[in-house]
C-alpha atoms as a PDB file:
ATOM      1  CA  MET A   1     -24.375  -9.798 -10.302  1.00  0.00           C
ATOM      2  CA  PHE A   2     -21.298  -7.837 -11.388  1.00  0.00           C
ATOM      3  CA  ASN A   3     -21.175  -4.448  -9.777  1.00  0.00           C
ATOM      4  CA  ARG A   4     -18.101  -2.263  -9.271  1.00  0.00           C
ATOM      5  CA  LYS A   5     -17.340  -3.696  -5.836  1.00  0.00           C
ATOM      6  CA  VAL A   6     -17.311  -7.295  -7.092  1.00  0.00           C
ATOM      7  CA  GLN A   7     -15.215  -6.337 -10.121  1.00  0.00           C
ATOM      8  CA  ARG A   8     -12.636  -4.589  -7.889  1.00  0.00           C
ATOM      9  CA  GLN A   9     -12.482  -7.630  -5.603  1.00  0.00           C
ATOM     10  CA  LYS A  10     -11.851  -9.903  -8.605  1.00  0.00           C
ATOM     11  CA  ARG A  11      -9.080  -7.571  -9.856  1.00  0.00           C
ATOM     12  CA  HIS A  12      -7.536  -7.579  -6.375  1.00  0.00           C
ATOM     13  CA  LEU A  13      -7.544 -11.393  -6.225  1.00  0.00           C
ATOM     14  CA  ARG A  14      -5.851 -11.542  -9.642  1.00  0.00           C
ATOM     15  CA  LEU A  15      -3.282  -8.991  -8.516  1.00  0.00           C
ATOM     16  CA  ARG A  16      -2.581 -10.854  -5.247  1.00  0.00           C
ATOM     17  CA  GLN A  17      -1.535 -13.948  -7.203  1.00  0.00           C
ATOM     18  CA  ARG A  18       1.481 -11.999  -8.419  1.00  0.00           C
ATOM     19  CA  VAL A  19       2.159  -9.557  -5.557  1.00  0.00           C
ATOM     20  CA  ILE A  20       3.734 -11.393  -2.624  1.00  0.00           C
ATOM     21  CA  GLY A  21       5.423  -9.770   0.358  1.00  0.00           C
ATOM     22  CA  THR A  22       8.395 -11.306   2.140  1.00  0.00           C
ATOM     23  CA  ALA A  23      10.414 -10.290   5.183  1.00  0.00           C
ATOM     24  CA  ALA A  24      13.095  -8.751   2.951  1.00  0.00           C
ATOM     25  CA  ARG A  25      10.557  -7.066   0.662  1.00  0.00           C
ATOM     26  CA  PRO A  26       7.146  -6.586   2.342  1.00  0.00           C
ATOM     27  CA  ARG A  27       3.913  -5.770   0.541  1.00  0.00           C
ATOM     28  CA  LEU A  28       2.784  -2.133   0.757  1.00  0.00           C
ATOM     29  CA  SER A  29      -0.985  -2.619   0.958  1.00  0.00           C
ATOM     30  CA  ILE A  30      -3.128   0.464   0.347  1.00  0.00           C
ATOM     31  CA  CYS A  31      -6.807   0.617   1.285  1.00  0.00           C
ATOM     32  CA  VAL A  32      -8.788   3.713   0.307  1.00  0.00           C
ATOM     33  CA  SER A  33     -12.362   4.278   1.463  1.00  0.00           C
ATOM     34  CA  ASN A  34     -14.572   7.296   0.959  1.00  0.00           C
ATOM     35  CA  LYS A  35     -13.536   8.750   4.321  1.00  0.00           C
ATOM     36  CA  HIS A  36     -10.118   7.323   5.272  1.00  0.00           C
ATOM     37  CA  MET A  37      -6.962   5.720   3.904  1.00  0.00           C
ATOM     38  CA  TYR A  38      -4.870   2.917   5.400  1.00  0.00           C
ATOM     39  CA  VAL A  39      -1.355   1.728   4.564  1.00  0.00           C
ATOM     40  CA  GLN A  40       0.186  -1.501   5.861  1.00  0.00           C
ATOM     41  CA  PHE A  41       3.550  -3.155   5.316  1.00  0.00           C
ATOM     42  CA  ILE A  42       2.829  -6.899   5.344  1.00  0.00           C
ATOM     43  CA  ASP A  43       5.091  -9.957   5.446  1.00  0.00           C
ATOM     44  CA  ASP A  44       2.947 -12.611   3.733  1.00  0.00           C
ATOM     45  CA  ASP A  45       5.347 -15.450   4.597  1.00  0.00           C
ATOM     46  CA  ALA A  46       4.913 -14.879   8.341  1.00  0.00           C
ATOM     47  CA  GLY A  47       1.380 -13.504   7.991  1.00  0.00           C
ATOM     48  CA  ARG A  48       1.982 -10.379  10.032  1.00  0.00           C
ATOM     49  CA  THR A  49       1.893  -6.610   9.675  1.00  0.00           C
ATOM     50  CA  LEU A  50       5.319  -5.013  10.147  1.00  0.00           C
ATOM     51  CA  ALA A  51       4.256  -1.334  10.131  1.00  0.00           C
ATOM     52  CA  GLN A  52       1.139   0.736   9.418  1.00  0.00           C
ATOM     53  CA  ALA A  53      -0.204   4.254   9.028  1.00  0.00           C
ATOM     54  CA  ASN A  54      -3.715   5.686   8.550  1.00  0.00           C
ATOM     55  CA  THR A  55      -5.757   8.879   8.371  1.00  0.00           C
ATOM     56  CA  LEU A  56      -8.159   8.144  11.232  1.00  0.00           C
ATOM     57  CA  LYS A  57      -7.226  11.352  13.086  1.00  0.00           C
ATOM     58  CA  ASP A  58      -7.695  13.507   9.963  1.00  0.00           C
ATOM     59  CA  GLU A  59     -11.124  14.935   9.154  1.00  0.00           C
ATOM     60  CA  HIS A  60     -11.371  13.875   5.502  1.00  0.00           C
ATOM     61  CA  ALA A  61      -8.966  11.930   3.307  1.00  0.00           C
ATOM     62  CA  ASN A  62      -8.042  14.012   0.271  1.00  0.00           C
ATOM     63  CA  LEU A  63      -5.009  14.334  -1.986  1.00  0.00           C
ATOM     64  CA  ALA A  64      -3.064  16.504   0.498  1.00  0.00           C
ATOM     65  CA  THR A  65      -3.602  14.020   3.309  1.00  0.00           C
ATOM     66  CA  ALA A  66      -2.631  11.200   0.917  1.00  0.00           C
ATOM     67  CA  LYS A  67       0.794  12.788   0.487  1.00  0.00           C
ATOM     68  CA  ALA A  68       1.137  13.236   4.249  1.00  0.00           C
ATOM     69  CA  LEU A  69       0.052   9.615   4.764  1.00  0.00           C
ATOM     70  CA  GLY A  70       2.725   8.421   2.322  1.00  0.00           C
ATOM     71  CA  GLU A  71       5.372  10.318   4.293  1.00  0.00           C
ATOM     72  CA  ARG A  72       4.095   8.944   7.637  1.00  0.00           C
ATOM     73  CA  ALA A  73       4.026   5.424   6.187  1.00  0.00           C
ATOM     74  CA  ALA A  74       7.618   5.775   4.998  1.00  0.00           C
ATOM     75  CA  GLU A  75       8.703   6.943   8.463  1.00  0.00           C
ATOM     76  CA  ALA A  76       6.939   3.966  10.068  1.00  0.00           C
ATOM     77  CA  ALA A  77       8.572   1.617   7.555  1.00  0.00           C
ATOM     78  CA  LYS A  78      12.035   3.018   8.190  1.00  0.00           C
ATOM     79  CA  ALA A  79      11.477   2.654  11.937  1.00  0.00           C
ATOM     80  CA  ALA A  80      10.654  -1.029  11.317  1.00  0.00           C
ATOM     81  CA  GLY A  81      13.775  -1.448   9.151  1.00  0.00           C
ATOM     82  CA  ILE A  82      11.962  -1.581   5.800  1.00  0.00           C
ATOM     83  CA  SER A  83      13.610   0.062   2.810  1.00  0.00           C
ATOM     84  CA  ILE A  84      12.254  -1.835  -0.215  1.00  0.00           C
ATOM     85  CA  VAL A  85       8.624  -2.877  -0.871  1.00  0.00           C
ATOM     86  CA  VAL A  86       6.244  -4.195  -3.508  1.00  0.00           C
ATOM     87  CA  VAL A  87       3.000  -2.213  -3.981  1.00  0.00           C
ATOM     88  CA  ASP A  88      -0.469  -3.748  -3.644  1.00  0.00           C
ATOM     89  CA  ARG A  89      -2.970  -1.160  -4.913  1.00  0.00           C
ATOM     90  CA  GLY A  90      -5.987  -3.236  -3.865  1.00  0.00           C
ATOM     91  CA  GLY A  91      -7.490  -3.680  -7.322  1.00  0.00           C
ATOM     92  CA  ARG A  92      -7.767   0.055  -7.864  1.00  0.00           C
ATOM     93  CA  LYS A  93      -6.179   2.153 -10.618  1.00  0.00           C
ATOM     94  CA  TYR A  94      -2.784   3.702  -9.967  1.00  0.00           C
ATOM     95  CA  THR A  95      -4.057   7.296 -10.011  1.00  0.00           C
ATOM     96  CA  GLY A  96      -5.188   9.941  -7.552  1.00  0.00           C
ATOM     97  CA  ARG A  97      -4.783   9.104  -3.871  1.00  0.00           C
ATOM     98  CA  ILE A  98      -3.123   5.714  -4.536  1.00  0.00           C
ATOM     99  CA  ALA A  99      -0.426   7.323  -6.692  1.00  0.00           C
ATOM    100  CA  ALA A 100       0.001  10.201  -4.206  1.00  0.00           C
ATOM    101  CA  ILE A 101       0.634   7.768  -1.337  1.00  0.00           C
ATOM    102  CA  VAL A 102       3.192   5.743  -3.292  1.00  0.00           C
ATOM    103  CA  ASP A 103       4.934   8.810  -4.750  1.00  0.00           C
ATOM    104  CA  ALA A 104       5.248  10.402  -1.295  1.00  0.00           C
ATOM    105  CA  ALA A 105       6.653   7.161   0.139  1.00  0.00           C
ATOM    106  CA  VAL A 106       9.201   6.950  -2.693  1.00  0.00           C
ATOM    107  CA  ALA A 107      10.161  10.596  -2.161  1.00  0.00           C
ATOM    108  CA  ALA A 108      10.676   9.820   1.550  1.00  0.00           C
ATOM    109  CA  GLY A 109      13.134   7.031   0.710  1.00  0.00           C
ATOM    110  CA  ILE A 110      11.175   3.798   0.199  1.00  0.00           C
ATOM    111  CA  ALA A 111      12.206   1.829  -2.906  1.00  0.00           C
ATOM    112  CA  ILE A 112       9.657   0.003  -5.084  1.00  0.00           C
ATOM    113  CA  THR A 113      10.456  -3.297  -6.829  1.00  0.00           C
ATOM    114  CA  ALA A 114       8.876  -5.531  -9.433  1.00  0.00           C
ATOM    115  CA  LYS A 115       5.933  -7.771  -8.632  1.00  0.00           C
ATOM    116  CA  LYS A 116       7.654 -11.151  -8.440  1.00  0.00           C
ATOM    117  CA  GLU A 117      11.241 -12.291  -8.160  1.00  0.00           C
ATOM    118  CA  GLU A 118      12.310 -14.972 -10.634  1.00  0.00           C
ATOM    119  CA  LYS A 119      13.522 -18.132  -8.941  1.00  0.00           C
END
């Protein structure tokens, strides 16, 4: 059975083959539900979360709170010493709340790089 949830999970697995976070360049993982949004900065080599931000204290997650979440996530990242990241959009399209979070983080001083470094 191929419903939207299964298709998004398959896209996310395909995306995760190319998007890898390191200590120098962590993965900016964005999770958007109907009610809340979560942002994590993850070092995949060590398997740990370096910084995080969410909208659990906000009433509803909309575009305005997405921009505020991007700014809060950038502040948390800077406090953890993170200045450059690679974006993991979770199998979703880069529009709406996903784009608002990333754009606000970039405006607050976080740099975005390519998916994979050539070795």
